[in-house]
Amino acid sequence: TSTMTLPQSILLGYCYKPDDKWRFEFDMEWMDWASIKEQKINYTSETDATRLYVLNTDNPTSKDWHSTFSYALGTEYKVNDFWKLRAGYYFHKSPIPQASFETSIPDATSNSITIGTGINLNKNTTLDFAYSAMFFEKRKVDNNIGASSSASIDGQYHTFDNIYMVTLTFKL
Protein backbone atom coordinates (compact mmCIF):
# COMPACT_ATOMS: atom_id res chain seq x y z
CA THR A 1 0.00 0.00 0.00
CA SER A 2 1.01 3.57 -0.55
CA THR A 3 -0.62 6.95 -0.24
CA MET A 4 0.25 10.11 -2.09
CA THR A 5 -1.35 13.52 -1.94
CA LEU A 6 -1.30 15.19 -5.33
CA PRO A 7 0.01 18.75 -5.37
CA GLN A 8 -2.06 21.88 -5.44
CA SER A 9 -2.17 23.69 -8.75
CA ILE A 10 -3.29 27.00 -10.15
CA LEU A 11 -4.51 27.15 -13.74
CA LEU A 12 -5.13 30.35 -15.64
CA GLY A 13 -6.62 30.41 -19.09
CA TYR A 14 -7.75 32.92 -21.65
CA CYS A 15 -9.99 32.35 -24.64
CA TYR A 16 -10.36 34.79 -27.53
CA LYS A 17 -13.22 34.29 -29.98
CA PRO A 18 -12.91 36.85 -32.80
CA ASP A 19 -15.94 35.49 -34.67
CA ASP A 20 -18.30 32.49 -34.83
CA LYS A 21 -15.73 30.32 -36.64
CA TRP A 22 -12.49 30.75 -34.66
CA ARG A 23 -11.49 30.30 -31.02
CA PHE A 24 -7.95 30.76 -29.63
CA GLU A 25 -6.90 29.67 -26.14
CA PHE A 26 -3.89 30.08 -23.88
CA ASP A 27 -3.41 28.22 -20.59
CA MET A 28 -0.71 28.47 -17.93
CA GLU A 29 -0.55 26.08 -14.97
CA TRP A 30 1.60 26.10 -11.86
CA MET A 31 1.90 22.80 -10.00
CA ASP A 32 3.37 22.63 -6.50
CA TRP A 33 5.36 19.42 -7.01
CA ALA A 34 7.80 20.69 -4.34
CA SER A 35 5.19 19.71 -1.74
CA ILE A 36 5.89 16.02 -2.42
CA LYS A 37 8.90 15.14 -0.30
CA GLU A 38 8.88 11.33 -0.34
CA GLN A 39 6.93 8.20 -1.20
CA LYS A 40 6.72 5.22 1.14
CA ILE A 41 5.42 1.81 0.14
CA ASN A 42 4.17 -0.51 2.89
CA TYR A 43 4.44 -4.21 2.04
CA THR A 44 1.66 -5.39 4.36
CA SER A 45 1.32 -8.96 3.06
CA GLU A 46 5.04 -9.80 2.74
CA THR A 47 6.23 -12.10 5.55
CA ASP A 48 9.60 -13.28 4.23
CA ALA A 49 12.26 -11.22 6.04
CA THR A 50 14.80 -11.42 3.18
CA ARG A 51 12.32 -10.22 0.54
CA LEU A 52 11.05 -7.54 2.90
CA TYR A 53 14.63 -6.31 3.45
CA VAL A 54 15.17 -6.05 -0.34
CA LEU A 55 11.81 -4.36 -0.90
CA ASN A 56 12.46 -1.81 1.84
CA THR A 57 15.93 -0.85 0.57
CA ASP A 58 15.72 2.89 -0.21
CA ASN A 59 12.15 2.98 1.12
CA PRO A 60 10.82 5.64 1.56
CA THR A 61 11.99 7.17 -1.70
CA SER A 62 13.00 10.81 -1.54
CA LYS A 63 11.26 12.94 -4.18
CA ASP A 64 12.63 16.46 -3.69
CA TRP A 65 10.74 17.60 -6.79
CA HIS A 66 10.46 21.20 -8.00
CA SER A 67 7.33 23.24 -8.62
CA THR A 68 6.87 23.93 -12.32
CA PHE A 69 4.95 25.95 -14.88
CA SER A 70 3.36 24.45 -17.99
CA TYR A 71 1.99 26.33 -21.00
CA ALA A 72 -0.52 25.46 -23.71
CA LEU A 73 -1.84 27.10 -26.87
CA GLY A 74 -4.81 25.87 -28.84
CA THR A 75 -7.20 26.78 -31.59
CA GLU A 76 -10.55 25.57 -32.83
CA TYR A 77 -12.13 26.19 -36.21
CA LYS A 78 -15.85 25.62 -36.67
CA VAL A 79 -16.24 24.23 -40.20
CA ASN A 80 -20.04 24.17 -39.91
CA ASP A 81 -22.72 23.51 -37.26
CA PHE A 82 -21.73 19.82 -37.12
CA TRP A 83 -17.94 19.74 -37.42
CA LYS A 84 -15.03 21.43 -35.61
CA LEU A 85 -11.26 21.11 -36.15
CA ARG A 86 -8.75 21.59 -33.33
CA ALA A 87 -4.97 21.89 -32.93
CA GLY A 88 -2.63 22.83 -30.13
CA TYR A 89 0.77 22.86 -28.50
CA TYR A 90 1.75 22.08 -24.89
CA PHE A 91 5.04 22.63 -23.03
CA HIS A 92 5.71 20.76 -19.78
CA LYS A 93 8.81 21.35 -17.64
CA SER A 94 9.77 18.25 -15.67
CA PRO A 95 9.62 18.67 -11.88
CA ILE A 96 12.00 15.75 -11.28
CA PRO A 97 15.68 16.66 -10.75
CA GLN A 98 18.45 14.24 -11.74
CA ALA A 99 19.23 13.36 -8.10
CA SER A 100 15.76 11.87 -7.55
CA PHE A 101 15.02 10.57 -11.06
CA GLU A 102 13.72 7.01 -11.01
CA THR A 103 12.55 4.64 -13.72
CA SER A 104 9.02 4.25 -12.30
CA ILE A 105 8.32 7.85 -13.41
CA PRO A 106 10.68 8.49 -16.35
CA ASP A 107 9.62 12.11 -16.71
CA ALA A 108 11.50 14.69 -18.74
CA THR A 109 10.71 18.13 -20.12
CA SER A 110 8.35 17.66 -23.06
CA ASN A 111 6.73 19.38 -26.01
CA SER A 112 3.41 18.08 -27.29
CA ILE A 113 1.44 18.63 -30.48
CA THR A 114 -2.27 17.90 -30.56
CA ILE A 115 -4.89 17.59 -33.29
CA GLY A 116 -8.53 16.72 -33.05
CA THR A 117 -12.03 17.00 -34.36
CA GLY A 118 -15.47 17.32 -32.84
CA ILE A 119 -18.70 16.16 -34.43
CA ASN A 120 -22.14 17.26 -33.24
CA LEU A 121 -24.26 14.14 -33.72
CA ASN A 122 -27.39 15.99 -32.61
CA LYS A 123 -28.42 18.86 -30.33
CA ASN A 124 -27.32 17.03 -27.15
CA THR A 125 -24.60 14.62 -28.29
CA THR A 126 -21.03 15.21 -29.47
CA LEU A 127 -18.29 12.80 -30.50
CA ASP A 128 -14.68 14.01 -30.19
CA PHE A 129 -11.45 12.45 -31.44
CA ALA A 130 -7.99 13.71 -30.49
CA TYR A 131 -4.35 12.72 -30.89
CA SER A 132 -1.34 14.01 -28.99
CA ALA A 133 2.32 13.35 -29.75
CA MET A 134 4.56 13.98 -26.72
CA PHE A 135 8.24 14.55 -27.51
CA PHE A 136 10.32 14.18 -24.35
CA GLU A 137 13.85 15.58 -24.19
CA LYS A 138 16.59 12.95 -23.95
CA ARG A 139 17.57 12.55 -20.35
CA LYS A 140 21.00 11.48 -19.15
CA VAL A 141 20.91 10.16 -15.60
CA ASP A 142 23.85 9.79 -13.24
CA ASN A 143 22.59 9.53 -9.66
CA ASN A 144 22.71 7.30 -6.56
CA ILE A 145 19.26 5.71 -6.88
CA GLY A 146 19.70 1.98 -6.18
CA ALA A 147 23.31 2.36 -4.98
CA SER A 148 22.57 0.79 -1.58
CA SER A 149 21.67 -2.49 -3.32
CA SER A 150 24.60 -2.30 -5.81
CA ALA A 151 22.18 -1.44 -8.63
CA SER A 152 22.25 1.49 -11.01
CA ILE A 153 19.70 3.27 -13.18
CA ASP A 154 22.34 5.49 -14.77
CA GLY A 155 22.07 5.90 -18.51
CA GLN A 156 20.22 7.74 -21.26
CA TYR A 157 16.43 7.75 -21.37
CA HIS A 158 14.45 8.39 -24.55
CA THR A 159 10.67 8.68 -24.29
CA PHE A 160 7.93 9.36 -26.83
CA ASP A 161 4.21 9.02 -26.12
CA ASN A 162 1.27 8.64 -28.49
CA ILE A 163 -2.03 9.50 -26.86
CA TYR A 164 -5.34 8.77 -28.56
CA MET A 165 -8.62 10.02 -27.12
CA VAL A 166 -12.28 9.46 -27.95
CA THR A 167 -15.08 11.05 -25.95
CA LEU A 168 -18.82 10.86 -26.28
CA THR A 169 -20.71 13.68 -24.54
CA PHE A 170 -24.39 13.75 -23.68
CA LYS A 171 -25.86 17.09 -22.55
CA LEU A 172 -28.90 16.80 -20.29
C-alpha atoms as a PDB file:
ATOM      1  CA  THR A   1       0.000   0.000   0.000  1.00  0.00           C
ATOM      2  CA  SER A   2       1.013   3.573  -0.549  1.00  0.00           C
ATOM      3  CA  THR A   3      -0.622   6.950  -0.242  1.00  0.00           C
ATOM      4  CA  MET A   4       0.250  10.111  -2.085  1.00  0.00           C
ATOM      5  CA  THR A   5      -1.350  13.518  -1.942  1.00  0.00           C
ATOM      6  CA  LEU A   6      -1.304  15.189  -5.334  1.00  0.00           C
ATOM      7  CA  PRO A   7       0.008  18.753  -5.367  1.00  0.00           C
ATOM      8  CA  GLN A   8      -2.058  21.879  -5.437  1.00  0.00           C
ATOM      9  CA  SER A   9      -2.166  23.695  -8.746  1.00  0.00           C
ATOM     10  CA  ILE A  10      -3.292  27.002 -10.148  1.00  0.00           C
ATOM     11  CA  LEU A  11      -4.506  27.149 -13.740  1.00  0.00           C
ATOM     12  CA  LEU A  12      -5.130  30.354 -15.643  1.00  0.00           C
ATOM     13  CA  GLY A  13      -6.623  30.407 -19.089  1.00  0.00           C
ATOM     14  CA  TYR A  14      -7.748  32.920 -21.650  1.00  0.00           C
ATOM     15  CA  CYS A  15      -9.993  32.347 -24.640  1.00  0.00           C
ATOM     16  CA  TYR A  16     -10.360  34.788 -27.527  1.00  0.00           C
ATOM     17  CA  LYS A  17     -13.218  34.289 -29.979  1.00  0.00           C
ATOM     18  CA  PRO A  18     -12.907  36.854 -32.796  1.00  0.00           C
ATOM     19  CA  ASP A  19     -15.935  35.486 -34.668  1.00  0.00           C
ATOM     20  CA  ASP A  20     -18.299  32.492 -34.826  1.00  0.00           C
ATOM     21  CA  LYS A  21     -15.725  30.319 -36.636  1.00  0.00           C
ATOM     22  CA  TRP A  22     -12.487  30.751 -34.657  1.00  0.00           C
ATOM     23  CA  ARG A  23     -11.485  30.303 -31.019  1.00  0.00           C
ATOM     24  CA  PHE A  24      -7.945  30.764 -29.631  1.00  0.00           C
ATOM     25  CA  GLU A  25      -6.900  29.672 -26.138  1.00  0.00           C
ATOM     26  CA  PHE A  26      -3.885  30.080 -23.879  1.00  0.00           C
ATOM     27  CA  ASP A  27      -3.408  28.223 -20.586  1.00  0.00           C
ATOM     28  CA  MET A  28      -0.710  28.471 -17.930  1.00  0.00           C
ATOM     29  CA  GLU A  29      -0.545  26.077 -14.975  1.00  0.00           C
ATOM     30  CA  TRP A  30       1.597  26.102 -11.855  1.00  0.00           C
ATOM     31  CA  MET A  31       1.902  22.796  -9.999  1.00  0.00           C
ATOM     32  CA  ASP A  32       3.372  22.625  -6.502  1.00  0.00           C
ATOM     33  CA  TRP A  33       5.362  19.420  -7.007  1.00  0.00           C
ATOM     34  CA  ALA A  34       7.799  20.687  -4.336  1.00  0.00           C
ATOM     35  CA  SER A  35       5.188  19.708  -1.743  1.00  0.00           C
ATOM     36  CA  ILE A  36       5.891  16.023  -2.419  1.00  0.00           C
ATOM     37  CA  LYS A  37       8.905  15.137  -0.299  1.00  0.00           C
ATOM     38  CA  GLU A  38       8.878  11.326  -0.345  1.00  0.00           C
ATOM     39  CA  GLN A  39       6.932   8.204  -1.196  1.00  0.00           C
ATOM     40  CA  LYS A  40       6.723   5.218   1.136  1.00  0.00           C
ATOM     41  CA  ILE A  41       5.419   1.807   0.144  1.00  0.00           C
ATOM     42  CA  ASN A  42       4.175  -0.513   2.891  1.00  0.00           C
ATOM     43  CA  TYR A  43       4.444  -4.212   2.042  1.00  0.00           C
ATOM     44  CA  THR A  44       1.665  -5.386   4.363  1.00  0.00           C
ATOM     45  CA  SER A  45       1.320  -8.960   3.055  1.00  0.00           C
ATOM     46  CA  GLU A  46       5.040  -9.797   2.736  1.00  0.00           C
ATOM     47  CA  THR A  47       6.232 -12.101   5.548  1.00  0.00           C
ATOM     48  CA  ASP A  48       9.605 -13.280   4.233  1.00  0.00           C
ATOM     49  CA  ALA A  49      12.261 -11.225   6.043  1.00  0.00           C
ATOM     50  CA  THR A  50      14.796 -11.415   3.183  1.00  0.00           C
ATOM     51  CA  ARG A  51      12.322 -10.222   0.540  1.00  0.00           C
ATOM     52  CA  LEU A  52      11.051  -7.538   2.904  1.00  0.00           C
ATOM     53  CA  TYR A  53      14.627  -6.313   3.450  1.00  0.00           C
ATOM     54  CA  VAL A  54      15.174  -6.051  -0.335  1.00  0.00           C
ATOM     55  CA  LEU A  55      11.805  -4.365  -0.903  1.00  0.00           C
ATOM     56  CA  ASN A  56      12.464  -1.805   1.838  1.00  0.00           C
ATOM     57  CA  THR A  57      15.926  -0.853   0.571  1.00  0.00           C
ATOM     58  CA  ASP A  58      15.724   2.895  -0.214  1.00  0.00           C
ATOM     59  CA  ASN A  59      12.150   2.977   1.119  1.00  0.00           C
ATOM     60  CA  PRO A  60      10.817   5.637   1.559  1.00  0.00           C
ATOM     61  CA  THR A  61      11.994   7.169  -1.698  1.00  0.00           C
ATOM     62  CA  SER A  62      12.997  10.815  -1.536  1.00  0.00           C
ATOM     63  CA  LYS A  63      11.260  12.936  -4.181  1.00  0.00           C
ATOM     64  CA  ASP A  64      12.626  16.455  -3.685  1.00  0.00           C
ATOM     65  CA  TRP A  65      10.742  17.596  -6.785  1.00  0.00           C
ATOM     66  CA  HIS A  66      10.462  21.202  -8.005  1.00  0.00           C
ATOM     67  CA  SER A  67       7.334  23.244  -8.619  1.00  0.00           C
ATOM     68  CA  THR A  68       6.866  23.928 -12.323  1.00  0.00           C
ATOM     69  CA  PHE A  69       4.946  25.952 -14.884  1.00  0.00           C
ATOM     70  CA  SER A  70       3.358  24.449 -17.992  1.00  0.00           C
ATOM     71  CA  TYR A  71       1.992  26.334 -21.002  1.00  0.00           C
ATOM     72  CA  ALA A  72      -0.524  25.460 -23.707  1.00  0.00           C
ATOM     73  CA  LEU A  73      -1.844  27.096 -26.869  1.00  0.00           C
ATOM     74  CA  GLY A  74      -4.814  25.870 -28.838  1.00  0.00           C
ATOM     75  CA  THR A  75      -7.202  26.784 -31.591  1.00  0.00           C
ATOM     76  CA  GLU A  76     -10.551  25.568 -32.826  1.00  0.00           C
ATOM     77  CA  TYR A  77     -12.127  26.186 -36.213  1.00  0.00           C
ATOM     78  CA  LYS A  78     -15.849  25.616 -36.668  1.00  0.00           C
ATOM     79  CA  VAL A  79     -16.241  24.231 -40.205  1.00  0.00           C
ATOM     80  CA  ASN A  80     -20.044  24.173 -39.912  1.00  0.00           C
ATOM     81  CA  ASP A  81     -22.722  23.505 -37.264  1.00  0.00           C
ATOM     82  CA  PHE A  82     -21.732  19.821 -37.122  1.00  0.00           C
ATOM     83  CA  TRP A  83     -17.945  19.741 -37.424  1.00  0.00           C
ATOM     84  CA  LYS A  84     -15.026  21.432 -35.609  1.00  0.00           C
ATOM     85  CA  LEU A  85     -11.257  21.113 -36.154  1.00  0.00           C
ATOM     86  CA  ARG A  86      -8.750  21.591 -33.334  1.00  0.00           C
ATOM     87  CA  ALA A  87      -4.975  21.892 -32.930  1.00  0.00           C
ATOM     88  CA  GLY A  88      -2.635  22.828 -30.129  1.00  0.00           C
ATOM     89  CA  TYR A  89       0.775  22.859 -28.503  1.00  0.00           C
ATOM     90  CA  TYR A  90       1.745  22.077 -24.888  1.00  0.00           C
ATOM     91  CA  PHE A  91       5.040  22.626 -23.027  1.00  0.00           C
ATOM     92  CA  HIS A  92       5.709  20.757 -19.776  1.00  0.00           C
ATOM     93  CA  LYS A  93       8.810  21.350 -17.644  1.00  0.00           C
ATOM     94  CA  SER A  94       9.771  18.252 -15.672  1.00  0.00           C
ATOM     95  CA  PRO A  95       9.618  18.666 -11.876  1.00  0.00           C
ATOM     96  CA  ILE A  96      12.001  15.745 -11.280  1.00  0.00           C
ATOM     97  CA  PRO A  97      15.682  16.655 -10.746  1.00  0.00           C
ATOM     98  CA  GLN A  98      18.446  14.239 -11.743  1.00  0.00           C
ATOM     99  CA  ALA A  99      19.226  13.364  -8.103  1.00  0.00           C
ATOM    100  CA  SER A 100      15.762  11.867  -7.546  1.00  0.00           C
ATOM    101  CA  PHE A 101      15.022  10.570 -11.060  1.00  0.00           C
ATOM    102  CA  GLU A 102      13.719   7.008 -11.012  1.00  0.00           C
ATOM    103  CA  THR A 103      12.548   4.644 -13.718  1.00  0.00           C
ATOM    104  CA  SER A 104       9.024   4.249 -12.302  1.00  0.00           C
ATOM    105  CA  ILE A 105       8.320   7.848 -13.414  1.00  0.00           C
ATOM    106  CA  PRO A 106      10.681   8.486 -16.350  1.00  0.00           C
ATOM    107  CA  ASP A 107       9.618  12.114 -16.711  1.00  0.00           C
ATOM    108  CA  ALA A 108      11.504  14.694 -18.744  1.00  0.00           C
ATOM    109  CA  THR A 109      10.709  18.131 -20.124  1.00  0.00           C
ATOM    110  CA  SER A 110       8.349  17.659 -23.056  1.00  0.00           C
ATOM    111  CA  ASN A 111       6.728  19.383 -26.007  1.00  0.00           C
ATOM    112  CA  SER A 112       3.407  18.079 -27.286  1.00  0.00           C
ATOM    113  CA  ILE A 113       1.444  18.629 -30.479  1.00  0.00           C
ATOM    114  CA  THR A 114      -2.274  17.905 -30.559  1.00  0.00           C
ATOM    115  CA  ILE A 115      -4.890  17.594 -33.290  1.00  0.00           C
ATOM    116  CA  GLY A 116      -8.531  16.715 -33.047  1.00  0.00           C
ATOM    117  CA  THR A 117     -12.028  17.000 -34.356  1.00  0.00           C
ATOM    118  CA  GLY A 118     -15.466  17.316 -32.844  1.00  0.00           C
ATOM    119  CA  ILE A 119     -18.700  16.157 -34.427  1.00  0.00           C
ATOM    120  CA  ASN A 120     -22.136  17.262 -33.242  1.00  0.00           C
ATOM    121  CA  LEU A 121     -24.260  14.143 -33.720  1.00  0.00           C
ATOM    122  CA  ASN A 122     -27.393  15.987 -32.609  1.00  0.00           C
ATOM    123  CA  LYS A 123     -28.418  18.860 -30.329  1.00  0.00           C
ATOM    124  CA  ASN A 124     -27.320  17.032 -27.146  1.00  0.00           C
ATOM    125  CA  THR A 125     -24.599  14.619 -28.286  1.00  0.00           C
ATOM    126  CA  THR A 126     -21.027  15.210 -29.473  1.00  0.00           C
ATOM    127  CA  LEU A 127     -18.294  12.804 -30.500  1.00  0.00           C
ATOM    128  CA  ASP A 128     -14.681  14.006 -30.191  1.00  0.00           C
ATOM    129  CA  PHE A 129     -11.451  12.454 -31.437  1.00  0.00           C
ATOM    130  CA  ALA A 130      -7.990  13.711 -30.495  1.00  0.00           C
ATOM    131  CA  TYR A 131      -4.348  12.718 -30.893  1.00  0.00           C
ATOM    132  CA  SER A 132      -1.345  14.014 -28.986  1.00  0.00           C
ATOM    133  CA  ALA A 133       2.321  13.355 -29.746  1.00  0.00           C
ATOM    134  CA  MET A 134       4.561  13.978 -26.723  1.00  0.00           C
ATOM    135  CA  PHE A 135       8.242  14.550 -27.512  1.00  0.00           C
ATOM    136  CA  PHE A 136      10.323  14.181 -24.346  1.00  0.00           C
ATOM    137  CA  GLU A 137      13.847  15.577 -24.186  1.00  0.00           C
ATOM    138  CA  LYS A 138      16.586  12.953 -23.955  1.00  0.00           C
ATOM    139  CA  ARG A 139      17.566  12.551 -20.347  1.00  0.00           C
ATOM    140  CA  LYS A 140      21.003  11.482 -19.151  1.00  0.00           C
ATOM    141  CA  VAL A 141      20.912  10.155 -15.600  1.00  0.00           C
ATOM    142  CA  ASP A 142      23.848   9.789 -13.238  1.00  0.00           C
ATOM    143  CA  ASN A 143      22.595   9.532  -9.657  1.00  0.00           C
ATOM    144  CA  ASN A 144      22.707   7.304  -6.564  1.00  0.00           C
ATOM    145  CA  ILE A 145      19.259   5.705  -6.877  1.00  0.00           C
ATOM    146  CA  GLY A 146      19.703   1.980  -6.178  1.00  0.00           C
ATOM    147  CA  ALA A 147      23.313   2.357  -4.983  1.00  0.00           C
ATOM    148  CA  SER A 148      22.573   0.795  -1.583  1.00  0.00           C
ATOM    149  CA  SER A 149      21.672  -2.490  -3.322  1.00  0.00           C
ATOM    150  CA  SER A 150      24.597  -2.301  -5.814  1.00  0.00           C
ATOM    151  CA  ALA A 151      22.179  -1.442  -8.627  1.00  0.00           C
ATOM    152  CA  SER A 152      22.247   1.489 -11.009  1.00  0.00           C
ATOM    153  CA  ILE A 153      19.701   3.268 -13.181  1.00  0.00           C
ATOM    154  CA  ASP A 154      22.343   5.494 -14.772  1.00  0.00           C
ATOM    155  CA  GLY A 155      22.067   5.904 -18.507  1.00  0.00           C
ATOM    156  CA  GLN A 156      20.221   7.739 -21.260  1.00  0.00           C
ATOM    157  CA  TYR A 157      16.432   7.751 -21.366  1.00  0.00           C
ATOM    158  CA  HIS A 158      14.448   8.388 -24.546  1.00  0.00           C
ATOM    159  CA  THR A 159      10.673   8.680 -24.290  1.00  0.00           C
ATOM    160  CA  PHE A 160       7.930   9.355 -26.831  1.00  0.00           C
ATOM    161  CA  ASP A 161       4.212   9.018 -26.122  1.00  0.00           C
ATOM    162  CA  ASN A 162       1.272   8.636 -28.493  1.00  0.00           C
ATOM    163  CA  ILE A 163      -2.034   9.504 -26.859  1.00  0.00           C
ATOM    164  CA  TYR A 164      -5.339   8.766 -28.561  1.00  0.00           C
ATOM    165  CA  MET A 165      -8.619  10.020 -27.116  1.00  0.00           C
ATOM    166  CA  VAL A 166     -12.281   9.460 -27.947  1.00  0.00           C
ATOM    167  CA  THR A 167     -15.081  11.054 -25.954  1.00  0.00           C
ATOM    168  CA  LEU A 168     -18.822  10.858 -26.282  1.00  0.00           C
ATOM    169  CA  THR A 169     -20.706  13.676 -24.537  1.00  0.00           C
ATOM    170  CA  PHE A 170     -24.394  13.751 -23.678  1.00  0.00           C
ATOM    171  CA  LYS A 171     -25.862  17.094 -22.548  1.00  0.00           C
ATOM    172  CA  LEU A 172     -28.899  16.803 -20.292  1.00  0.00           C
END
